[in-house]
Amino acid sequence: MEAAPGASAAGAKAVRAPAPTTPAVHNPLPPAFARMKGAERLNGAHSAKDTRHVTFDLAETGLAYEVGDSLGVHPTNCPDTVAAIIERLDARATDEVDCPDGTRRTMWEALSAACDIGRPSDEAIEVLASRAPEADESNRLQALAEGHPRAGPEEADLLELLLAFPSARPPVQELVRALGALQPRLYSIASSPKRAGAAVNLTVSAVRWEKRGRARAGVASVFLADRAARGTAVLVFVRRSNGFRLRADAAAPVIMIGPGTGIAPFRAFLQERRAIGATCPNWLFFGDQHRASDFLYEEELTGYHRDGLLTRLDVAFSRDQPERIYVQQRMREQAAELWAWIREGAHLFVCGAVAMAKDVDLALAAIIARQGAMGLGAAKAHLAEMAREKRYLKDVY
């Protein structure tokens, strides 16, 4: 559980914890508390991004992973936001309440570690509506709960709703029970256990933005970047990959397309290939905004390229020239070679945002159609067949 303000979880023993009552994802191994070892910033000083190389120590957890797996992280909410909500509700941090996950905790622990206060459920908004004596506020909240976005502030968290509708003051227990459970976040693992040993690495982009004059932040990403100090015990679990793995046949060529934090599993793949002495050709497409500040793991990747583990390394830095250049353009520039690798049995892996993966799909289909002298429909069918054969795999978010 989250400690009260001023307390620290750093001294907590790294022991196996009970499984959450309402897990959001398939979880074959029980969660355990892992020790946070650090969240090193990967971007340069002038970057617009804040990407972290996060490391956990799994030595005392009993957890094990393979390349291609993901690590689930149970974050806690921002303590400043939690304190502001408690104050707004005229509640006490030490009062006990029943939580959405079936546990009974103090108000502070409930809002910190058990409740989703970033995206209030429709049920919670209906509770606010039913307890707002001011008619206009009640009607607008009810409309918001029914899916009418203009009824209230768009993408409002619980604190903003309480500020925007000051007459809504529901009983604390009623509101807490209506909130959704705070869910774990999944991150592609960026290390091979053959190299990292008992450690596990993640590549996490700390998400921060401003909404209506108020600073907002991603729950898990900023928890890992800013609030989980070195030595903190964090509840984590391993989610087994659903096929996003290197084949046991180490002779098959591999093409990896992973811009931004999508590099994570491919760093793990390359570490694995090096550890087992694989000699197959490896080709990586990586992209980000600026080479000087956003070339994640540059020294490691260029080192792999120099010593031959990476047969090819093609990069695209979108903001380093007037026109935007992305990995899809680099793929089109190497269309003939890409098609040759595909014909030789290469396995294609894509990791990153859904929109990027769709653009890569389109680029690959166009490349296959042109280079294979076939129609676009036949090229898409070729990609579909590769996917059925597990030669074209995606890890998208």
Protein backbone atom coordinates (compact mmCIF):
# COMPACT_ATOMS: atom_id res chain seq x y z
CA MET A 1 0.00 0.00 0.00
CA GLU A 2 1.01 3.61 -0.54
CA ALA A 3 2.47 5.30 2.51
CA ALA A 4 1.02 8.48 3.97
CA PRO A 5 2.73 11.79 3.08
CA GLY A 6 6.29 11.92 4.34
CA ALA A 7 6.59 8.17 4.80
CA SER A 8 8.74 5.96 2.58
CA ALA A 9 8.29 2.48 1.18
CA ALA A 10 12.04 2.08 0.65
CA GLY A 11 12.45 -0.04 3.75
CA ALA A 12 9.73 -2.51 2.77
CA LYS A 13 10.91 -6.09 2.42
CA ALA A 14 10.85 -7.42 -1.16
CA VAL A 15 8.37 -10.24 -0.56
CA ARG A 16 5.74 -11.88 -2.69
CA ALA A 17 2.43 -10.04 -2.58
CA PRO A 18 -1.08 -11.40 -3.06
CA ALA A 19 -2.52 -11.10 -6.55
CA PRO A 20 -4.78 -8.08 -7.11
CA THR A 21 -8.47 -8.79 -6.67
CA THR A 22 -9.36 -7.29 -10.05
CA PRO A 23 -6.40 -7.78 -12.40
CA ALA A 24 -6.72 -5.96 -15.71
CA VAL A 25 -4.35 -8.21 -17.66
CA HIS A 26 -3.51 -11.89 -17.89
CA ASN A 27 -1.07 -12.51 -15.08
CA PRO A 28 0.38 -16.05 -14.95
CA LEU A 29 2.89 -15.28 -12.17
CA PRO A 30 1.91 -13.73 -8.83
CA PRO A 31 3.06 -10.10 -8.45
CA ALA A 32 5.96 -9.35 -6.15
CA PHE A 33 7.65 -6.27 -4.71
CA ALA A 34 10.81 -5.49 -6.70
CA ARG A 35 13.43 -2.99 -5.63
CA MET A 36 13.73 0.12 -7.83
CA LYS A 37 17.37 0.60 -8.87
CA GLY A 38 17.06 3.78 -10.90
CA ALA A 39 15.40 5.74 -13.71
CA GLU A 40 18.25 7.20 -15.77
CA ARG A 41 17.32 9.90 -18.28
CA LEU A 42 18.17 8.83 -21.83
CA ASN A 43 17.49 12.10 -23.68
CA GLY A 44 19.93 14.96 -23.98
CA ALA A 45 19.52 18.22 -22.10
CA HIS A 46 17.77 20.04 -24.97
CA SER A 47 15.29 17.32 -25.83
CA ALA A 48 11.55 17.93 -25.69
CA LYS A 49 11.18 14.39 -24.33
CA ASP A 50 11.94 12.72 -21.02
CA THR A 51 12.65 9.05 -21.67
CA ARG A 52 13.94 6.94 -18.79
CA HIS A 53 15.99 3.75 -18.61
CA VAL A 54 14.26 2.12 -15.63
CA THR A 55 15.85 -0.76 -13.73
CA PHE A 56 14.33 -3.12 -11.17
CA ASP A 57 16.07 -5.78 -9.11
CA LEU A 58 14.14 -9.06 -9.31
CA ALA A 59 16.57 -11.07 -7.17
CA GLU A 60 14.20 -11.54 -4.21
CA THR A 61 10.94 -11.71 -6.13
CA GLY A 62 10.93 -15.18 -7.66
CA LEU A 63 9.99 -13.55 -10.99
CA ALA A 64 11.69 -14.56 -14.24
CA TYR A 65 11.27 -13.29 -17.79
CA GLU A 66 12.29 -13.88 -21.39
CA VAL A 67 12.94 -11.42 -24.19
CA GLY A 68 9.63 -10.31 -25.69
CA ASP A 69 7.84 -10.33 -22.32
CA SER A 70 6.39 -7.24 -20.64
CA LEU A 71 6.65 -6.03 -17.06
CA GLY A 72 3.47 -4.92 -15.33
CA VAL A 73 3.90 -2.07 -12.85
CA HIS A 74 1.40 -1.14 -10.15
CA PRO A 75 1.85 2.65 -9.79
CA THR A 76 0.53 5.05 -7.19
CA ASN A 77 -1.23 8.34 -7.84
CA CYS A 78 0.35 11.75 -7.37
CA PRO A 79 0.33 12.56 -3.62
CA ASP A 80 -0.38 16.26 -4.23
CA THR A 81 -3.51 15.38 -6.21
CA VAL A 82 -4.60 12.88 -3.57
CA ALA A 83 -4.19 15.48 -0.81
CA ALA A 84 -6.16 18.06 -2.81
CA ILE A 85 -9.04 15.63 -3.38
CA ILE A 86 -9.21 14.72 0.32
CA GLU A 87 -9.24 18.40 1.25
CA ARG A 88 -11.94 19.16 -1.33
CA LEU A 89 -14.13 16.38 0.05
CA ASP A 90 -13.67 17.65 3.63
CA ALA A 91 -12.44 14.15 4.49
CA ARG A 92 -9.66 12.85 6.69
CA ALA A 93 -6.70 10.92 5.28
CA THR A 94 -6.92 8.39 8.11
CA ASP A 95 -10.60 7.50 7.67
CA GLU A 96 -11.10 3.91 6.49
CA VAL A 97 -13.10 3.10 3.35
CA ASP A 98 -13.94 0.06 1.25
CA CYS A 99 -12.05 0.15 -2.07
CA PRO A 100 -13.01 -0.98 -5.60
CA ASP A 101 -10.54 -3.90 -5.33
CA GLY A 102 -12.31 -5.33 -2.28
CA THR A 103 -9.77 -4.15 0.29
CA ARG A 104 -10.37 -1.79 3.20
CA ARG A 105 -7.85 1.02 3.50
CA THR A 106 -7.40 4.50 4.79
CA MET A 107 -8.67 7.28 2.58
CA TRP A 108 -5.09 8.20 1.75
CA GLU A 109 -4.15 4.66 0.77
CA ALA A 110 -7.39 4.20 -1.21
CA LEU A 111 -6.89 7.28 -3.39
CA SER A 112 -3.15 6.68 -3.69
CA ALA A 113 -3.00 3.02 -4.63
CA ALA A 114 -6.47 1.52 -5.15
CA CYS A 115 -8.61 4.04 -7.07
CA ASP A 116 -8.37 5.45 -10.57
CA ILE A 117 -8.66 9.19 -9.93
CA GLY A 118 -7.28 10.15 -13.35
CA ARG A 119 -10.25 8.82 -15.31
CA PRO A 120 -13.35 8.78 -13.08
CA SER A 121 -15.80 6.06 -14.03
CA ASP A 122 -19.28 6.91 -15.33
CA GLU A 123 -20.61 5.46 -12.08
CA ALA A 124 -18.47 7.86 -10.04
CA ILE A 125 -19.66 10.83 -12.13
CA GLU A 126 -23.27 9.70 -11.57
CA VAL A 127 -22.58 9.69 -7.82
CA LEU A 128 -21.34 13.27 -8.10
CA ALA A 129 -24.46 14.19 -10.11
CA SER A 130 -26.82 12.63 -7.56
CA ARG A 131 -25.12 14.50 -4.72
CA ALA A 132 -24.94 17.94 -6.36
CA PRO A 133 -27.80 20.08 -4.96
CA GLU A 134 -27.21 22.79 -7.55
CA ALA A 135 -29.52 21.70 -10.41
CA ASP A 136 -27.41 22.91 -13.33
CA GLU A 137 -24.32 21.16 -11.97
CA SER A 138 -26.27 17.96 -11.36
CA ASN A 139 -27.70 17.97 -14.89
CA ARG A 140 -24.33 18.65 -16.50
CA LEU A 141 -22.65 15.90 -14.49
CA GLN A 142 -25.39 13.44 -15.45
CA ALA A 143 -24.96 14.39 -19.10
CA LEU A 144 -21.21 13.90 -18.75
CA ALA A 145 -21.75 10.44 -17.28
CA GLU A 146 -23.98 9.60 -20.26
CA GLY A 147 -21.26 10.49 -22.73
CA HIS A 148 -21.99 14.11 -23.67
CA PRO A 149 -18.48 15.64 -23.75
CA ARG A 150 -19.63 19.28 -23.91
CA ALA A 151 -21.40 18.93 -20.59
CA GLY A 152 -18.18 19.42 -18.64
CA PRO A 153 -14.43 19.79 -18.94
CA GLU A 154 -13.02 17.31 -21.46
CA GLU A 155 -10.79 14.54 -20.04
CA ALA A 156 -11.22 15.85 -16.51
CA ASP A 157 -9.75 13.91 -13.60
CA LEU A 158 -11.54 13.60 -10.27
CA LEU A 159 -9.96 16.71 -8.78
CA GLU A 160 -10.98 18.85 -11.74
CA LEU A 161 -14.57 17.59 -11.53
CA LEU A 162 -14.70 18.47 -7.84
CA LEU A 163 -13.36 21.95 -8.62
CA ALA A 164 -15.64 22.49 -11.63
CA PHE A 165 -18.79 21.34 -9.80
CA PRO A 166 -18.34 22.69 -6.25
CA SER A 167 -21.81 21.69 -5.01
CA ALA A 168 -21.07 17.98 -5.62
CA ARG A 169 -20.01 16.66 -2.22
CA PRO A 170 -20.94 12.96 -2.03
CA PRO A 171 -20.33 10.76 0.99
CA VAL A 172 -16.72 9.64 0.78
CA GLN A 173 -17.49 5.91 0.94
CA GLU A 174 -20.08 6.17 -1.82
CA LEU A 175 -17.66 7.97 -4.13
CA VAL A 176 -14.68 5.71 -3.44
CA ARG A 177 -16.68 2.56 -4.08
CA ALA A 178 -17.87 3.98 -7.43
CA LEU A 179 -14.37 4.83 -8.68
CA GLY A 180 -12.65 2.36 -10.96
CA ALA A 181 -9.71 0.33 -9.65
CA LEU A 182 -6.24 1.73 -10.38
CA GLN A 183 -4.87 -0.65 -13.02
CA PRO A 184 -1.28 -1.75 -13.62
CA ARG A 185 0.61 -0.51 -16.67
CA LEU A 186 2.53 -2.80 -19.02
CA TYR A 187 5.97 -1.98 -20.44
CA SER A 188 7.97 -3.96 -23.01
CA ILE A 189 11.08 -5.36 -21.35
CA ALA A 190 14.29 -3.80 -22.69
CA SER A 191 16.84 -6.35 -21.47
CA SER A 192 17.83 -9.99 -21.82
CA PRO A 193 18.17 -11.95 -18.57
CA LYS A 194 21.25 -13.57 -20.12
CA ARG A 195 22.93 -10.18 -19.85
CA ALA A 196 20.99 -8.37 -17.10
CA GLY A 197 20.95 -11.27 -14.66
CA ALA A 198 18.51 -10.55 -11.83
CA ALA A 199 17.76 -7.06 -13.16
CA VAL A 200 15.08 -6.02 -15.64
CA ASN A 201 15.15 -2.85 -17.76
CA LEU A 202 12.31 -0.76 -19.17
CA THR A 203 12.31 2.18 -21.58
CA VAL A 204 9.67 4.60 -20.30
CA SER A 205 8.57 7.95 -21.71
CA ALA A 206 7.49 10.24 -18.87
CA VAL A 207 4.22 11.77 -20.05
CA ARG A 208 3.54 15.34 -18.94
CA TRP A 209 1.15 17.95 -20.31
CA GLU A 210 -0.93 20.95 -19.30
CA LYS A 211 -4.73 20.97 -19.38
CA ARG A 212 -6.71 24.13 -18.71
CA GLY A 213 -3.80 25.73 -16.88
CA ARG A 214 -3.09 22.75 -14.63
CA ALA A 215 -0.06 20.46 -14.90
CA ARG A 216 -1.02 16.85 -15.62
CA ALA A 217 1.10 13.71 -15.79
CA GLY A 218 0.92 10.07 -16.78
CA VAL A 219 0.23 8.02 -13.65
CA ALA A 220 2.76 5.21 -14.10
CA SER A 221 5.38 6.93 -16.27
CA VAL A 222 5.89 9.86 -13.89
CA PHE A 223 5.61 7.55 -10.88
CA LEU A 224 8.63 5.66 -12.29
CA ALA A 225 10.48 8.78 -13.46
CA ASP A 226 10.00 11.02 -10.42
CA ARG A 227 8.36 9.43 -7.41
CA ALA A 228 9.74 5.90 -7.12
CA ALA A 229 13.10 6.67 -5.53
CA ARG A 230 16.04 4.29 -5.68
CA GLY A 231 15.40 1.44 -3.24
CA THR A 232 11.61 1.79 -3.30
CA ALA A 233 9.69 -1.49 -3.34
CA VAL A 234 7.28 -1.48 -6.29
CA LEU A 235 4.67 -4.15 -7.00
CA VAL A 236 5.40 -5.71 -10.41
CA PHE A 237 4.61 -8.84 -12.41
CA VAL A 238 5.73 -10.47 -15.65
CA ARG A 239 3.31 -10.79 -18.54
CA ARG A 240 4.33 -13.54 -20.92
CA SER A 241 4.56 -12.60 -24.58
CA ASN A 242 1.81 -13.76 -26.89
CA GLY A 243 4.20 -14.79 -29.66
CA PHE A 244 6.37 -11.65 -29.82
CA ARG A 245 9.56 -13.67 -29.54
CA LEU A 246 12.68 -14.54 -31.47
CA ARG A 247 12.45 -17.92 -33.15
CA ALA A 248 14.56 -20.70 -31.71
CA ASP A 249 16.12 -20.89 -35.20
CA ALA A 250 18.96 -18.41 -34.71
CA ALA A 251 19.83 -18.50 -38.42
CA ALA A 252 16.74 -16.59 -39.54
CA PRO A 253 17.36 -12.93 -40.49
CA VAL A 254 15.56 -10.42 -38.27
CA ILE A 255 14.20 -6.98 -39.23
CA MET A 256 13.22 -4.78 -36.26
CA ILE A 257 11.26 -1.54 -36.61
CA GLY A 258 11.05 0.40 -33.35
CA PRO A 259 11.04 4.20 -33.16
CA GLY A 260 11.09 5.98 -29.80
CA THR A 261 10.37 3.73 -26.83
CA GLY A 262 9.56 1.01 -29.37
CA ILE A 263 13.29 0.27 -29.24
CA ALA A 264 12.79 -1.52 -25.90
CA PRO A 265 12.19 -5.14 -26.99
CA PHE A 266 14.78 -4.87 -29.75
CA ARG A 267 17.49 -3.87 -27.31
CA ALA A 268 16.52 -7.08 -25.50
CA PHE A 269 16.58 -9.07 -28.76
CA LEU A 270 20.07 -7.85 -29.60
CA GLN A 271 21.38 -8.60 -26.12
CA GLU A 272 19.91 -12.10 -26.43
CA ARG A 273 21.47 -12.63 -29.87
CA ARG A 274 24.85 -11.57 -28.55
CA ALA A 275 24.54 -13.81 -25.46
CA ILE A 276 23.75 -16.96 -27.46
CA GLY A 277 26.32 -16.21 -30.17
CA ALA A 278 23.75 -16.00 -32.97
CA THR A 279 25.24 -15.14 -36.36
CA CYS A 280 22.07 -14.36 -38.31
CA PRO A 281 21.72 -10.96 -40.03
CA ASN A 282 19.95 -8.31 -37.89
CA TRP A 283 18.52 -5.05 -39.25
CA LEU A 284 17.18 -2.26 -37.04
CA PHE A 285 15.13 0.79 -38.06
CA PHE A 286 15.05 3.40 -35.30
CA GLY A 287 13.65 6.92 -35.28
CA ASP A 288 12.99 9.86 -32.97
CA GLN A 289 13.08 13.66 -33.08
CA HIS A 290 16.76 14.74 -32.93
CA ARG A 291 19.90 12.66 -33.29
CA ALA A 292 21.87 14.80 -30.84
CA SER A 293 19.38 14.40 -27.99
CA ASP A 294 17.00 11.53 -28.79
CA PHE A 295 19.12 8.66 -30.12
CA LEU A 296 18.16 6.23 -27.35
CA TYR A 297 20.91 3.73 -26.47
CA GLU A 298 23.09 5.27 -29.19
CA GLU A 299 26.41 3.98 -27.87
CA GLU A 300 25.11 0.44 -27.45
CA LEU A 301 23.38 0.30 -30.83
CA THR A 302 26.20 1.85 -32.84
CA GLY A 303 28.58 -0.50 -31.05
CA TYR A 304 26.50 -3.46 -32.20
CA HIS A 305 26.63 -2.05 -35.72
CA ARG A 306 30.40 -1.63 -35.66
CA ASP A 307 31.06 -5.14 -34.41
CA GLY A 308 28.63 -6.74 -36.86
CA LEU A 309 25.85 -7.93 -34.54
CA LEU A 310 23.67 -5.35 -36.27
CA THR A 311 24.14 -5.97 -39.98
CA ARG A 312 22.26 -2.77 -40.78
CA LEU A 313 21.21 0.22 -38.70
CA ASP A 314 18.95 2.76 -40.41
CA VAL A 315 17.85 5.82 -38.43
CA ALA A 316 15.38 8.65 -39.05
CA PHE A 317 15.35 11.82 -36.96
CA SER A 318 12.24 13.72 -37.91
CA ARG A 319 13.17 17.23 -36.68
CA ASP A 320 16.77 17.43 -37.92
CA GLN A 321 15.76 18.84 -41.34
CA PRO A 322 12.93 21.02 -42.67
CA GLU A 323 10.93 18.05 -43.95
CA ARG A 324 9.80 15.37 -41.51
CA ILE A 325 11.53 12.01 -42.01
CA TYR A 326 10.24 8.86 -40.33
CA VAL A 327 11.27 5.21 -40.34
CA GLN A 328 8.79 4.46 -43.15
CA GLN A 329 10.81 6.69 -45.49
CA ARG A 330 14.02 4.87 -44.59
CA MET A 331 12.23 1.61 -45.34
CA ARG A 332 11.13 2.88 -48.74
CA GLU A 333 14.69 4.02 -49.47
CA GLN A 334 15.90 0.46 -48.81
CA ALA A 335 12.97 -1.22 -50.56
CA ALA A 336 14.99 -3.60 -52.76
CA GLU A 337 17.14 -4.79 -49.87
CA LEU A 338 14.12 -5.17 -47.59
CA TRP A 339 12.37 -7.31 -50.18
CA ALA A 340 15.50 -9.44 -50.58
CA TRP A 341 15.60 -10.07 -46.81
CA ILE A 342 11.90 -10.93 -46.76
CA ARG A 343 12.34 -13.39 -49.63
CA GLU A 344 15.23 -14.97 -47.73
CA GLY A 345 12.88 -15.73 -44.82
CA ALA A 346 13.44 -12.71 -42.58
CA HIS A 347 11.19 -12.25 -39.57
CA LEU A 348 9.74 -8.74 -39.16
CA PHE A 349 9.02 -7.21 -35.76
CA VAL A 350 7.33 -3.84 -35.14
CA CYS A 351 7.04 -2.12 -31.75
CA GLY A 352 5.56 1.28 -30.96
CA ALA A 353 2.42 3.35 -31.22
CA VAL A 354 -0.62 2.03 -33.08
CA ALA A 355 -0.53 4.89 -35.61
CA MET A 356 3.13 4.20 -36.42
CA ALA A 357 2.44 0.48 -36.87
CA LYS A 358 -0.35 1.28 -39.35
CA ASP A 359 2.02 3.50 -41.34
CA VAL A 360 4.64 0.73 -41.34
CA ASP A 361 1.97 -1.69 -42.60
CA LEU A 362 1.19 0.61 -45.52
CA ALA A 363 4.88 1.13 -46.32
CA LEU A 364 5.60 -2.60 -46.26
CA ALA A 365 2.62 -3.39 -48.48
CA ALA A 366 3.74 -0.77 -51.01
CA ILE A 367 7.33 -2.08 -50.93
CA ILE A 368 6.24 -5.70 -51.43
CA ALA A 369 3.85 -4.72 -54.24
CA ARG A 370 6.51 -2.76 -56.15
CA GLN A 371 9.48 -5.03 -55.51
CA GLY A 372 7.49 -8.25 -55.94
CA ALA A 373 5.71 -7.00 -59.08
CA MET A 374 2.27 -7.69 -57.65
CA GLY A 375 -0.89 -5.78 -56.87
CA LEU A 376 -1.41 -4.03 -53.54
CA GLY A 377 -4.06 -6.56 -52.56
CA ALA A 378 -1.65 -9.44 -53.17
CA ALA A 379 1.04 -7.61 -51.17
CA LYS A 380 -1.33 -7.22 -48.21
CA ALA A 381 -2.20 -10.91 -48.50
CA HIS A 382 1.53 -11.69 -48.43
CA LEU A 383 1.91 -9.72 -45.19
CA ALA A 384 -1.13 -11.49 -43.74
CA GLU A 385 0.41 -14.85 -44.58
CA MET A 386 3.66 -13.78 -42.90
CA ALA A 387 1.64 -12.85 -39.80
CA ARG A 388 -0.05 -16.27 -39.79
CA GLU A 389 3.39 -17.88 -40.03
CA LYS A 390 4.53 -15.65 -37.13
CA ARG A 391 7.10 -14.00 -39.36
CA TYR A 392 5.44 -10.58 -39.00
CA LEU A 393 4.79 -9.70 -35.35
CA LYS A 394 3.73 -6.49 -33.61
CA ASP A 395 3.86 -5.13 -30.08
CA VAL A 396 1.78 -1.94 -30.26
CA TYR A 397 0.28 0.46 -27.71
